[in-house]
Protein backbone atom coordinates (compact mmCIF):
# COMPACT_ATOMS: atom_id res chain seq x y z
CA MET A 1 1.63 -67.81 35.86
CA LYS A 2 1.39 -68.44 32.13
CA PHE A 3 0.21 -65.58 29.91
CA LYS A 4 -2.92 -67.43 28.91
CA ASP A 5 -3.91 -67.64 32.63
CA MET A 6 -3.41 -63.92 33.34
CA PRO A 7 -6.75 -62.31 34.32
CA TYR A 8 -8.11 -59.59 32.09
CA GLU A 9 -10.56 -56.85 32.92
CA ARG A 10 -11.52 -53.96 30.60
CA VAL A 11 -10.07 -50.68 31.82
CA ASP A 12 -12.70 -48.28 33.15
CA PHE A 13 -11.29 -45.03 31.86
CA ALA A 14 -13.86 -42.91 33.69
CA GLN A 15 -12.62 -44.39 36.94
CA ALA A 16 -9.00 -44.00 35.85
CA GLU A 17 -9.59 -40.35 35.08
CA LYS A 18 -11.17 -39.85 38.46
CA GLU A 19 -8.18 -41.45 40.21
CA LEU A 20 -5.71 -39.47 38.13
CA ARG A 21 -7.34 -36.15 38.81
CA GLN A 22 -7.31 -36.96 42.50
CA LEU A 23 -3.58 -37.68 42.23
CA MET A 24 -3.06 -34.30 40.53
CA GLU A 25 -4.83 -32.57 43.42
CA GLU A 26 -2.65 -34.43 45.94
CA PHE A 27 0.45 -33.52 43.94
CA ASP A 28 -0.43 -29.79 43.97
CA GLN A 29 -1.04 -29.89 47.72
CA ALA A 30 2.23 -31.69 48.54
CA LYS A 31 4.62 -29.60 50.62
CA SER A 32 7.93 -31.37 49.81
CA GLY A 33 9.67 -33.45 47.16
CA GLU A 34 9.23 -36.53 49.36
CA GLU A 35 5.44 -36.03 49.49
CA GLN A 36 5.29 -35.48 45.75
CA PHE A 37 7.27 -38.67 45.17
CA LYS A 38 4.80 -40.63 47.28
CA VAL A 39 2.01 -39.31 45.02
CA HIS A 40 4.07 -40.31 41.99
CA GLU A 41 4.36 -43.85 43.33
CA LYS A 42 0.55 -43.96 43.31
CA PHE A 43 0.67 -42.81 39.73
CA TYR A 44 2.97 -45.74 38.93
CA GLU A 45 0.41 -48.14 40.42
CA LEU A 46 -2.45 -46.64 38.43
CA ASP A 47 -0.53 -46.47 35.17
CA ASP A 48 0.80 -50.07 35.63
CA ARG A 49 -2.73 -51.29 36.18
CA VAL A 50 -4.11 -49.55 33.09
CA SER A 51 -1.12 -50.46 30.92
CA THR A 52 -1.17 -54.11 31.95
CA GLN A 53 -4.77 -54.63 30.94
CA MET A 54 -4.30 -52.81 27.66
CA THR A 55 -1.21 -54.86 26.87
CA ILE A 56 -2.95 -58.15 27.62
CA ALA A 57 -5.84 -57.21 25.36
CA HIS A 58 -3.47 -56.04 22.62
CA ILE A 59 -1.41 -59.23 22.62
CA ARG A 60 -4.42 -61.51 22.65
CA TYR A 61 -5.88 -59.52 19.76
CA ASP A 62 -2.61 -59.83 17.86
CA VAL A 63 -2.53 -63.58 18.34
CA ASP A 64 -5.94 -63.88 16.69
CA THR A 65 -7.38 -60.83 14.96
CA THR A 66 -10.56 -62.78 14.27
CA ASP A 67 -11.33 -63.17 17.96
CA GLU A 68 -14.63 -61.24 18.35
CA PHE A 69 -14.13 -60.36 22.05
CA TYR A 70 -10.62 -59.00 21.81
CA SER A 71 -11.37 -57.33 18.52
CA LYS A 72 -14.00 -55.25 20.37
CA GLU A 73 -11.56 -54.62 23.18
CA HIS A 74 -8.96 -53.41 20.70
CA ASP A 75 -11.45 -51.01 19.17
CA TYR A 76 -12.33 -49.77 22.66
CA TYR A 77 -8.68 -48.96 23.43
CA ASN A 78 -8.19 -47.37 20.01
CA GLU A 79 -10.85 -44.83 20.99
CA ASN A 80 -9.89 -44.32 24.61
CA ARG A 81 -6.12 -44.68 24.85
CA PRO A 82 -5.41 -41.25 23.23
CA VAL A 83 -7.65 -39.63 25.81
CA TYR A 84 -5.85 -41.37 28.63
CA VAL A 85 -2.42 -40.55 27.26
CA ASN A 86 -3.35 -36.86 27.12
CA LEU A 87 -4.64 -36.97 30.70
CA ALA A 88 -1.42 -38.69 31.91
CA LEU A 89 0.50 -35.98 30.12
CA GLU A 90 -1.39 -33.37 32.12
CA TYR A 91 -0.10 -35.00 35.29
CA GLN A 92 3.44 -35.35 33.89
CA LYS A 93 3.52 -31.61 33.09
CA LYS A 94 2.96 -30.96 36.84
CA LEU A 95 5.76 -33.32 37.71
CA TYR A 96 8.05 -31.76 35.14
CA ALA A 97 7.47 -28.25 36.49
CA SER A 98 7.70 -29.21 40.17
CA PRO A 99 9.57 -26.82 42.46
CA TYR A 100 11.14 -29.97 43.94
CA ARG A 101 12.54 -31.06 40.61
CA ASP A 102 16.06 -31.70 41.93
CA TYR A 103 14.78 -34.11 44.56
CA LEU A 104 12.50 -35.89 42.14
CA GLU A 105 15.30 -36.27 39.58
CA LYS A 106 17.38 -38.02 42.23
CA LYS A 107 14.53 -40.42 42.94
CA ILE A 108 13.33 -41.26 39.46
CA GLY A 109 16.27 -40.30 37.25
CA PRO A 110 16.81 -37.54 34.63
CA VAL A 111 15.81 -39.80 31.75
CA ALA A 112 12.26 -39.88 33.08
CA PHE A 113 12.12 -36.11 32.85
CA LYS A 114 13.64 -36.16 29.32
CA ASN A 115 10.88 -38.56 28.30
CA MET A 116 8.28 -36.21 29.75
CA GLU A 117 9.74 -33.43 27.66
CA LEU A 118 9.46 -35.60 24.56
CA ALA A 119 5.88 -36.56 25.48
CA GLU A 120 4.91 -32.94 25.68
CA LYS A 121 6.42 -32.33 22.22
CA SER A 122 4.45 -35.22 20.75
CA MET A 123 1.00 -34.95 22.32
CA ASP A 124 -1.77 -32.41 22.65
CA GLU A 125 -5.48 -32.62 23.28
CA LYS A 126 -6.25 -31.35 19.79
CA LEU A 127 -4.58 -34.48 18.34
CA ILE A 128 -7.00 -36.92 19.99
CA PRO A 129 -9.42 -37.25 17.04
CA LEU A 130 -6.53 -37.71 14.61
CA MET A 131 -4.91 -40.32 16.84
CA GLN A 132 -8.20 -42.19 17.12
CA GLU A 133 -8.42 -42.21 13.30
CA GLU A 134 -4.80 -43.32 13.06
CA ASN A 135 -5.50 -46.22 15.45
CA ALA A 136 -8.47 -47.30 13.31
CA LEU A 137 -6.42 -47.18 10.12
CA THR A 138 -3.52 -49.22 11.55
CA THR A 139 -6.02 -51.78 12.89
CA GLU A 140 -7.59 -52.02 9.43
CA TYR A 141 -4.16 -52.58 7.91
CA ASN A 142 -3.15 -55.19 10.49
CA LYS A 143 -6.41 -57.12 9.96
CA LEU A 144 -5.82 -57.13 6.20
CA ILE A 145 -2.28 -58.42 6.51
CA ALA A 146 -3.05 -60.92 9.27
CA GLY A 147 -6.05 -62.23 7.33
CA ALA A 148 -3.99 -63.42 4.36
CA LYS A 149 -4.94 -66.91 3.25
CA ILE A 150 -2.41 -68.21 0.71
CA GLU A 151 -2.68 -71.70 -0.73
CA PHE A 152 0.82 -73.19 -0.94
CA ASP A 153 2.34 -76.67 -0.68
CA GLY A 154 -1.06 -78.19 0.05
CA GLN A 155 -1.72 -75.79 2.93
CA VAL A 156 -3.47 -72.50 3.61
CA LEU A 157 -0.86 -70.16 5.00
CA ASN A 158 -0.67 -66.57 6.27
CA LEU A 159 2.29 -64.36 5.41
CA SER A 160 4.28 -65.37 8.43
CA LEU A 161 3.91 -69.08 7.69
CA LEU A 162 4.87 -68.45 4.04
CA ARG A 163 8.18 -66.90 5.15
CA PRO A 164 10.16 -70.15 5.58
CA TYR A 165 9.37 -71.07 1.96
CA MET A 166 10.68 -67.63 0.82
CA VAL A 167 14.16 -68.52 2.29
CA HIS A 168 14.02 -72.21 1.28
CA SER A 169 17.21 -73.86 0.01
CA ASP A 170 15.45 -74.73 -3.25
CA ARG A 171 15.38 -71.77 -5.57
CA ASN A 172 12.22 -72.96 -7.31
CA VAL A 173 10.38 -73.13 -3.98
CA ARG A 174 11.59 -69.61 -3.12
CA ALA A 175 10.35 -68.39 -6.50
CA GLN A 176 6.92 -69.83 -6.06
CA ALA A 177 6.61 -68.47 -2.52
CA HIS A 178 7.62 -64.99 -3.62
CA LYS A 179 5.11 -65.22 -6.46
CA LYS A 180 2.31 -66.19 -4.07
CA ARG A 181 3.19 -63.33 -1.73
CA GLY A 182 3.23 -60.92 -4.62
CA GLU A 183 -0.16 -62.09 -5.78
CA PHE A 184 -1.64 -61.41 -2.35
CA PHE A 185 -0.35 -57.86 -2.30
CA LEU A 186 -1.46 -57.20 -5.89
CA ALA A 187 -4.94 -58.51 -5.10
CA ASN A 188 -5.11 -56.05 -2.16
CA ALA A 189 -3.15 -53.23 -3.74
CA GLU A 190 -6.09 -50.82 -4.06
CA LYS A 191 -7.06 -51.19 -0.39
CA LEU A 192 -3.43 -50.98 0.83
CA ASP A 193 -2.91 -47.79 -1.19
CA GLU A 194 -6.05 -46.30 0.28
CA ILE A 195 -4.97 -47.04 3.89
CA TYR A 196 -1.42 -45.80 3.22
CA ASP A 197 -2.70 -42.58 1.64
CA LYS A 198 -5.01 -41.89 4.60
CA LEU A 199 -2.24 -42.63 7.11
CA VAL A 200 0.21 -40.30 5.42
CA LYS A 201 -2.34 -37.50 5.38
CA ASN A 202 -3.37 -38.24 8.96
CA ARG A 203 0.19 -38.22 10.38
CA THR A 204 1.14 -35.13 8.39
CA ALA A 205 -1.89 -33.35 9.83
CA GLN A 206 -0.82 -34.38 13.34
CA ALA A 207 2.69 -33.10 12.77
CA ARG A 208 1.59 -29.77 11.37
CA ALA A 209 -0.96 -29.33 14.21
CA MET A 210 2.09 -29.57 16.54
CA GLY A 211 4.09 -27.07 14.46
CA TYR A 212 6.34 -29.53 12.60
CA GLU A 213 6.94 -29.62 8.88
CA ASN A 214 6.13 -33.29 8.58
CA TYR A 215 5.74 -36.47 10.64
CA LEU A 216 9.49 -37.26 10.77
CA GLU A 217 10.28 -35.16 13.86
CA LEU A 218 6.99 -36.02 15.63
CA GLY A 219 7.63 -39.69 14.98
CA TYR A 220 11.06 -39.61 16.58
CA TYR A 221 9.66 -37.86 19.66
CA ARG A 222 7.06 -40.60 19.95
CA MET A 223 9.76 -43.28 19.76
CA ARG A 224 11.44 -41.54 22.74
CA ARG A 225 14.74 -40.97 20.98
CA ASN A 226 16.06 -39.33 24.14
CA CYS A 227 19.83 -39.46 23.92
CA TYR A 228 21.08 -38.67 20.46
CA GLY A 229 18.75 -36.10 18.93
CA ARG A 230 19.03 -35.94 15.13
CA ARG A 231 22.20 -38.02 14.93
CA TRP A 232 20.07 -40.59 13.12
CA LYS A 233 20.59 -38.47 9.95
CA THR A 234 24.36 -38.82 10.19
CA SER A 235 23.95 -42.59 10.56
CA ALA A 236 21.63 -42.75 7.54
CA ASP A 237 24.17 -40.70 5.49
CA ARG A 238 26.90 -43.11 6.47
CA SER A 239 24.84 -46.08 5.31
CA ARG A 240 23.98 -44.38 2.02
CA ARG A 241 27.69 -43.57 1.36
CA THR A 242 29.28 -46.80 2.59
CA TRP A 243 27.00 -49.74 3.30
CA PHE A 244 24.64 -49.53 0.30
CA PRO A 245 27.36 -49.32 -2.39
CA MET A 246 29.36 -52.08 -0.65
CA ARG A 247 26.32 -54.39 -0.55
CA LYS A 248 25.43 -53.69 -4.16
CA SER A 249 28.93 -54.52 -5.25
CA SER A 250 29.06 -57.67 -3.12
CA MET A 251 25.72 -58.98 -4.41
CA SER A 252 26.63 -58.31 -7.99
CA ALA A 253 29.88 -60.25 -7.52
CA ASP A 254 27.93 -63.09 -5.91
CA ALA A 255 25.56 -63.15 -8.90
CA ARG A 256 28.50 -63.50 -11.29
CA ASP A 257 30.00 -66.31 -9.16
CA TRP A 258 26.66 -68.20 -9.28
CA GLY A 259 26.32 -67.70 -13.05
CA LEU A 260 23.32 -65.38 -12.76
CA ARG A 261 22.67 -62.40 -14.96
CA SER A 262 21.79 -60.19 -11.97
CA SER A 263 21.38 -60.37 -8.18
CA VAL A 264 17.63 -60.58 -7.56
CA ILE A 265 15.59 -61.06 -4.43
CA LEU A 266 15.64 -64.87 -4.79
CA THR A 267 19.40 -64.83 -4.14
CA ILE A 268 19.22 -62.76 -0.97
CA PRO A 269 18.82 -65.81 1.41
CA CYS A 270 22.14 -67.04 0.06
CA ILE A 271 24.25 -64.05 1.22
CA LEU A 272 27.87 -65.14 1.38
CA ARG A 273 29.89 -65.08 4.60
CA LYS A 274 32.15 -62.29 3.21
CA GLU A 275 29.18 -59.90 3.06
CA ILE A 276 28.25 -60.65 6.68
CA LEU A 277 31.87 -60.07 7.77
CA LEU A 278 31.96 -56.77 5.94
CA LEU A 279 28.72 -55.66 7.58
CA SER A 280 30.03 -56.58 11.03
CA ALA A 281 33.21 -54.60 10.45
CA LEU A 282 31.22 -51.55 9.32
CA ARG A 283 28.97 -51.77 12.38
CA ARG A 284 31.98 -51.87 14.72
CA LYS A 285 33.48 -48.82 12.98
CA PHE A 286 30.26 -46.77 13.21
CA TRP A 287 29.39 -47.84 16.79
CA ARG A 288 32.95 -47.03 17.93
CA GLN A 289 32.24 -43.39 17.05
CA ASP A 290 29.11 -43.44 19.23
CA ARG A 291 30.79 -44.63 22.42
CA LYS A 292 30.59 -41.19 23.96
CA CYS A 293 26.84 -41.50 23.94
CA THR A 294 26.59 -45.15 25.00
CA PRO A 295 28.20 -44.99 28.50
CA ASN A 296 26.06 -41.98 29.30
CA CYS A 297 22.83 -43.57 28.14
CA LEU A 298 22.93 -47.21 29.18
CA PRO A 299 23.16 -46.74 33.00
CA ARG A 300 20.09 -44.50 32.83
CA GLN A 301 17.91 -46.73 30.72
CA LYS A 302 16.41 -48.47 33.73
CA ASN A 303 14.54 -45.21 34.33
CA SER A 304 13.58 -44.65 30.69
CA MET A 305 10.06 -45.97 30.99
CA ILE A 306 8.97 -44.90 34.45
CA SER A 307 7.61 -41.49 33.43
């Protein structure tokens, strides 16, 4: 079946809540790990049904943000998804604290339980209004960006369709494309600044409501960074010390070779092979140091989304 032919039906969240609360009752009444796992399989079916319909609506909205029907569906899920996520977390807390945890871990894998732990650290009922506002702001941003209409080369292009001209082999074409892109963002700078300001304040408020200093830690929990903790900071430090200086030096050398006064954005599509080779070598060096994590994580990733 092609994606365009997949049937869509708006999720009835009142019915989903009713089914989920029934599952929680069955889970509490279960007398063994096997019985609880059978209840959890029913949760899979419910969550898959809800997630599938939300995903179909989301993709069809992304394909055409001017589609009136899916625009309304998108708004509907912006309002209701945080409520459903919080309700699903209520069920997951029961699963996480089950007296038959050892049995359940063997059935669904330890990564699923790690993800439940991260979900609990990143969600609370008190966040629902803020998450609804966040969804509305990101939708407003996406509509603004997707709605770009840029006249170029005898056509009316959006930002995605302008991209090939920004990496065109002709430097003059690249320059004109970058200029047009810049003009679009300058024309919408005030609105973009307003959305950005509101998003920063919103996400900071969410983080502090959860007891975090800022959104950084909360954001990583929401991305389910479940196997390497704060090692991202070490990786960022490595890039700052090694990759950035190397790239700056390489691009400056390239600019001199091409007879340019400086290495500007218009020259980026013409990165020389030596820079690509240097980057590959650095990646191999850094990833080699992470091999202790990789063998432990990859075999478990098949369970990473089933919670």
